Protein backbone atom coordinates (compact mmCIF):
# COMPACT_ATOMS: atom_id res chain seq x y z
CA MET A 1 27.80 -7.89 -63.50
CA PRO A 2 25.21 -5.26 -64.59
CA ILE A 3 26.24 -3.01 -67.45
CA ASP A 4 25.91 0.13 -65.30
CA SER A 5 28.42 -1.30 -62.80
CA LEU A 6 30.85 -2.09 -65.60
CA ILE A 7 30.51 1.48 -66.89
CA ILE A 8 31.20 2.86 -63.39
CA ILE A 9 34.29 0.67 -63.05
CA PHE A 10 35.54 1.73 -66.49
CA LEU A 11 35.04 5.44 -65.78
CA ALA A 12 36.64 5.19 -62.31
CA LEU A 13 39.71 3.46 -63.71
CA ALA A 14 39.89 5.88 -66.64
CA LEU A 15 39.71 8.84 -64.25
CA GLY A 16 42.30 7.30 -61.95
CA SER A 17 44.62 6.60 -64.88
CA LEU A 18 44.29 10.19 -66.12
CA VAL A 19 45.05 11.61 -62.68
CA LYS A 20 47.97 9.18 -62.27
CA GLY A 21 49.49 10.12 -65.60
CA ILE A 22 48.85 13.87 -65.38
CA ALA A 23 49.20 14.70 -61.70
CA GLY A 24 51.36 11.84 -60.42
CA LEU A 25 48.85 10.55 -57.83
CA GLY A 26 48.45 6.83 -57.29
CA LEU A 27 45.81 5.20 -59.45
CA PRO A 28 44.23 3.27 -56.52
CA LEU A 29 43.89 6.47 -54.45
CA VAL A 30 41.38 7.75 -56.98
CA ALA A 31 39.86 4.59 -58.49
CA ILE A 32 39.15 2.60 -55.30
CA PRO A 33 37.20 5.32 -53.44
CA VAL A 34 35.16 6.03 -56.58
CA MET A 35 34.30 2.35 -57.06
CA SER A 36 33.65 1.95 -53.33
CA THR A 37 30.78 4.41 -53.54
CA PHE A 38 28.91 1.96 -55.80
CA MET A 39 30.06 -1.47 -54.58
CA GLU A 40 31.56 -3.23 -51.56
CA VAL A 41 34.98 -1.98 -50.50
CA ASP A 42 36.53 -5.46 -50.69
CA HIS A 43 35.25 -5.83 -54.26
CA ALA A 44 36.76 -2.48 -55.29
CA VAL A 45 40.10 -3.31 -53.66
CA ALA A 46 40.16 -6.77 -55.28
CA ILE A 47 39.61 -5.28 -58.74
CA MET A 48 42.86 -3.29 -58.46
CA VAL A 49 45.10 -6.26 -57.54
CA ILE A 50 45.92 -7.66 -61.00
CA PRO A 51 46.28 -4.20 -62.64
CA GLY A 52 48.66 -3.29 -59.83
CA ILE A 53 50.90 -6.30 -60.55
CA MET A 54 50.93 -5.53 -64.27
CA ILE A 55 51.65 -1.81 -63.84
CA ASN A 56 54.51 -2.47 -61.40
CA THR A 57 55.98 -5.12 -63.70
CA TRP A 58 55.94 -2.65 -66.59
CA LEU A 59 57.51 0.11 -64.49
CA LEU A 60 60.24 -2.18 -63.11
CA TRP A 61 61.16 -3.26 -66.63
CA THR A 62 61.00 0.31 -67.98
CA TYR A 63 63.22 1.70 -65.20
CA ARG A 64 65.46 -1.35 -64.75
CA HIS A 65 68.54 0.68 -65.72
CA HIS A 66 67.87 3.05 -62.81
CA ALA A 67 67.88 0.37 -60.10
CA VAL A 68 69.33 1.55 -56.80
CA LYS A 69 70.27 -0.27 -53.61
CA VAL A 70 67.64 0.14 -50.87
CA ALA A 71 68.82 -0.11 -47.28
CA ASN A 72 67.18 -2.89 -45.21
CA LEU A 73 65.36 -4.21 -48.30
CA PRO A 74 65.16 -7.85 -47.03
CA ALA A 75 63.63 -6.67 -43.75
CA MET A 76 61.24 -4.42 -45.68
CA ILE A 77 60.15 -7.37 -47.80
CA VAL A 78 59.38 -9.48 -44.72
CA VAL A 79 57.51 -6.64 -43.00
CA GLY A 80 55.62 -5.86 -46.20
CA ILE A 81 54.49 -9.45 -46.72
CA VAL A 82 53.32 -9.86 -43.11
CA THR A 83 51.49 -6.54 -42.89
CA VAL A 84 49.78 -6.80 -46.30
CA ALA A 85 48.50 -10.24 -45.31
CA LEU A 86 47.27 -8.74 -42.01
CA GLY A 87 45.54 -5.94 -43.90
CA ALA A 88 43.85 -8.45 -46.20
CA TRP A 89 42.56 -10.34 -43.16
CA ILE A 90 41.18 -7.07 -41.74
CA LEU A 91 39.41 -6.43 -45.06
CA SER A 92 37.79 -9.87 -44.93
CA GLU A 93 36.59 -9.47 -41.32
CA VAL A 94 35.70 -5.81 -40.81
CA PRO A 95 32.19 -4.65 -41.85
CA ASP A 96 32.04 -2.54 -45.00
CA THR A 97 30.78 0.55 -43.16
CA TYR A 98 33.88 0.75 -40.97
CA LEU A 99 36.13 0.58 -44.02
CA ILE A 100 34.18 3.40 -45.68
CA VAL A 101 34.55 5.50 -42.52
CA PHE A 102 38.27 4.82 -42.52
CA MET A 103 38.44 5.77 -46.21
CA VAL A 104 36.63 9.05 -45.46
CA PHE A 105 39.26 9.93 -42.86
CA TRP A 106 42.05 8.66 -45.11
CA VAL A 107 41.08 10.73 -48.15
CA GLY A 108 40.28 13.70 -45.92
CA GLY A 109 43.62 13.41 -44.19
CA TYR A 110 45.40 13.28 -47.51
CA LEU A 111 43.59 16.45 -48.62
CA ILE A 112 44.68 18.19 -45.43
CA SER A 113 48.26 16.98 -45.97
CA LEU A 114 48.25 18.68 -49.38
CA LEU A 115 47.72 22.01 -47.62
CA PHE A 116 50.87 21.45 -45.55
CA LYS A 117 52.84 19.62 -48.22
CA GLU A 118 55.94 21.78 -48.15
CA LYS A 119 56.09 21.89 -44.36
CA LEU A 120 55.83 18.13 -44.15
CA LYS A 121 58.59 17.64 -46.73
CA SER A 122 60.98 20.08 -45.13
CA GLY A 123 60.57 18.68 -41.63
CA LEU A 124 60.41 15.01 -42.47
CA SER A 125 63.02 12.66 -41.02
CA PHE A 126 63.25 8.94 -40.34
CA GLY A 127 65.15 7.16 -37.62
CA ARG A 128 66.91 3.83 -37.83
CA HIS A 129 63.73 1.78 -37.74
CA GLY A 130 61.53 4.44 -39.33
CA PRO A 131 61.50 2.86 -42.82
CA LEU A 132 60.31 -0.49 -41.43
CA ALA A 133 57.52 1.26 -39.51
CA VAL A 134 56.49 3.11 -42.67
CA VAL A 135 56.47 -0.07 -44.75
CA GLY A 136 54.50 -1.85 -42.01
CA LEU A 137 51.81 0.83 -41.87
CA ALA A 138 51.71 1.07 -45.66
CA GLY A 139 51.35 -2.72 -45.90
CA ILE A 140 48.37 -2.83 -43.55
CA ILE A 141 46.65 -0.02 -45.44
CA GLN A 142 47.48 -1.62 -48.80
CA GLY A 143 46.00 -4.93 -47.72
CA SER A 144 42.86 -3.41 -46.21
CA ILE A 145 41.93 -0.53 -48.53
CA GLY A 146 44.36 -0.97 -51.43
CA THR A 147 46.00 2.47 -51.51
CA SER A 148 49.21 2.94 -49.56
CA GLY A 149 50.95 5.49 -51.77
CA PRO A 150 50.41 8.54 -49.52
CA VAL A 151 51.97 6.61 -46.60
CA PHE A 152 55.02 5.26 -48.40
CA ALA A 153 55.73 8.20 -50.74
CA PRO A 154 57.09 10.58 -48.02
CA TYR A 155 59.75 8.04 -47.02
CA VAL A 156 60.91 7.54 -50.61
CA HIS A 157 60.88 11.31 -51.09
CA SER A 158 63.22 11.64 -48.09
CA LEU A 159 65.81 9.54 -49.95
CA LYS A 160 66.21 12.46 -52.41
CA LEU A 161 66.30 10.23 -55.47
CA LYS A 162 66.01 11.35 -59.05
CA GLN A 163 62.65 10.73 -60.72
CA PRO A 164 63.56 7.43 -62.50
CA GLN A 165 65.17 6.04 -59.33
CA TYR A 166 62.17 7.18 -57.28
CA VAL A 167 59.80 5.31 -59.59
CA TYR A 168 61.94 2.18 -59.45
CA VAL A 169 62.14 2.07 -55.63
CA VAL A 170 58.40 2.70 -55.23
CA SER A 171 57.63 0.02 -57.82
CA VAL A 172 59.80 -2.56 -56.00
CA ILE A 173 57.88 -2.16 -52.74
CA PHE A 174 54.50 -1.87 -54.43
CA GLN A 175 55.16 -5.04 -56.42
CA ILE A 176 55.89 -6.90 -53.18
CA PHE A 177 52.63 -5.50 -51.80
CA ALA A 178 50.68 -6.43 -54.93
CA ILE A 179 51.89 -10.04 -55.14
CA THR A 180 51.28 -10.60 -51.41
CA GLN A 181 47.86 -9.02 -51.79
CA PHE A 182 46.98 -11.38 -54.63
CA VAL A 183 48.06 -14.47 -52.68
CA SER A 184 46.31 -13.32 -49.48
CA PHE A 185 43.10 -12.35 -51.26
CA SER A 186 43.01 -15.70 -53.07
CA TYR A 187 43.50 -17.60 -49.79
CA LEU A 188 40.84 -15.57 -47.96
CA GLY A 189 38.32 -15.83 -50.79
CA LEU A 190 38.39 -12.10 -51.56
CA ILE A 191 39.29 -12.91 -55.18
CA ASP A 192 37.25 -15.56 -56.95
CA MET A 193 36.86 -16.30 -60.66
CA GLU A 194 34.35 -13.48 -61.14
CA ARG A 195 36.44 -10.85 -59.37
CA GLY A 196 39.56 -12.09 -61.14
CA TYR A 197 37.74 -11.56 -64.43
CA HIS A 198 36.75 -8.04 -63.37
CA SER A 199 40.35 -7.38 -62.35
CA PHE A 200 41.62 -8.38 -65.79
CA LEU A 201 38.98 -6.19 -67.43
CA ALA A 202 40.25 -3.28 -65.32
CA CYS A 203 43.55 -3.45 -67.22
CA ILE A 204 41.80 -2.27 -70.41
CA PRO A 205 40.97 1.34 -69.43
CA ILE A 206 44.32 1.64 -67.65
CA ALA A 207 46.18 0.56 -70.79
CA ILE A 208 44.22 3.14 -72.80
CA PHE A 209 44.21 6.17 -70.53
CA LEU A 210 47.52 5.95 -68.65
CA PRO A 211 49.72 6.43 -71.76
CA LEU A 212 47.30 9.13 -72.95
CA ALA A 213 47.61 10.95 -69.64
CA VAL A 214 51.41 10.78 -69.75
CA TRP A 215 51.29 12.41 -73.19
CA LEU A 216 48.80 15.07 -72.02
CA SER A 217 50.91 15.90 -68.96
CA GLN A 218 53.28 17.99 -71.05
CA PHE A 219 50.46 20.48 -71.65
CA PHE A 220 49.57 20.98 -67.97
CA SER A 221 51.21 23.38 -65.54
CA ASP A 222 51.95 22.51 -61.90
CA ARG A 223 49.02 24.68 -60.85
CA ALA A 224 46.71 22.74 -63.17
CA PHE A 225 47.98 19.47 -61.65
CA ASN A 226 47.09 20.66 -58.15
CA ILE A 227 43.65 21.83 -59.23
CA ILE A 228 42.93 18.43 -60.79
CA ILE A 229 44.11 16.57 -57.68
CA VAL A 230 42.12 18.66 -55.21
CA SER A 231 38.96 18.77 -57.34
CA VAL A 232 38.84 15.01 -57.86
CA LEU A 233 39.61 14.13 -54.24
CA VAL A 234 37.09 16.63 -52.86
CA ALA A 235 34.42 15.09 -55.09
CA ILE A 236 35.38 11.59 -53.90
CA GLU A 237 35.31 12.67 -50.25
CA ALA A 238 31.85 14.20 -50.68
CA ARG A 239 30.52 11.04 -52.36
CA LEU A 240 31.91 8.78 -49.62
CA ILE A 241 30.37 10.91 -46.88
CA TRP A 242 27.06 10.93 -48.77
CA ARG A 243 27.13 7.12 -48.92
CA LEU A 244 27.52 6.95 -45.14
CA LEU A 245 24.59 9.30 -44.59
CA ILE A 246 22.04 7.62 -46.87
């Protein structure tokens, strides 16, 4: 891979790790759209697979004493495996341009949701089968564009868990997603030896900048967090739109 591409990947992952640690946003939500502006979407998504498994493993071990029982977990696991595999198949078949268009709407929709964040939280409710529907949608999006956090997070938020329990529950589902994604991508040829090597390299900036960001977070106010989130995502949205136009 050219040195300029490696630099772009490093900076995207460093930026995503900083935003994750400081503002609480998912690392893939920032890193994948940035990388997708300079390479194929499937390549960018594949790079995040191995780091995702490692991060979730670390979080599950770190928060193992805060494990909580999740209702319908076996059904969620089945739905998650099936839908992530479906999303991976979509990624392997759909032209890159359509995925970029979807990502434009996805990031844009997330930005709009930030404007109505409190309204969405206060009026959010899930029926009996709501969690399975959420996991199913999140699985398809995870498999196809690699960033399902904004879909799944509202459901976990509705459980009104404390922060350590919240992290544990999210990490359980995301680990199921990540392992299924790795198996599906390997079967479909979306991860080969070269991409696997790139994926392992991606763990380096994450290991450096994620702990740094967690330490820096104590010096940032909530308002500063929001400014960082909006500024980064607006820049990503503009770059994705520009890629479609050129």
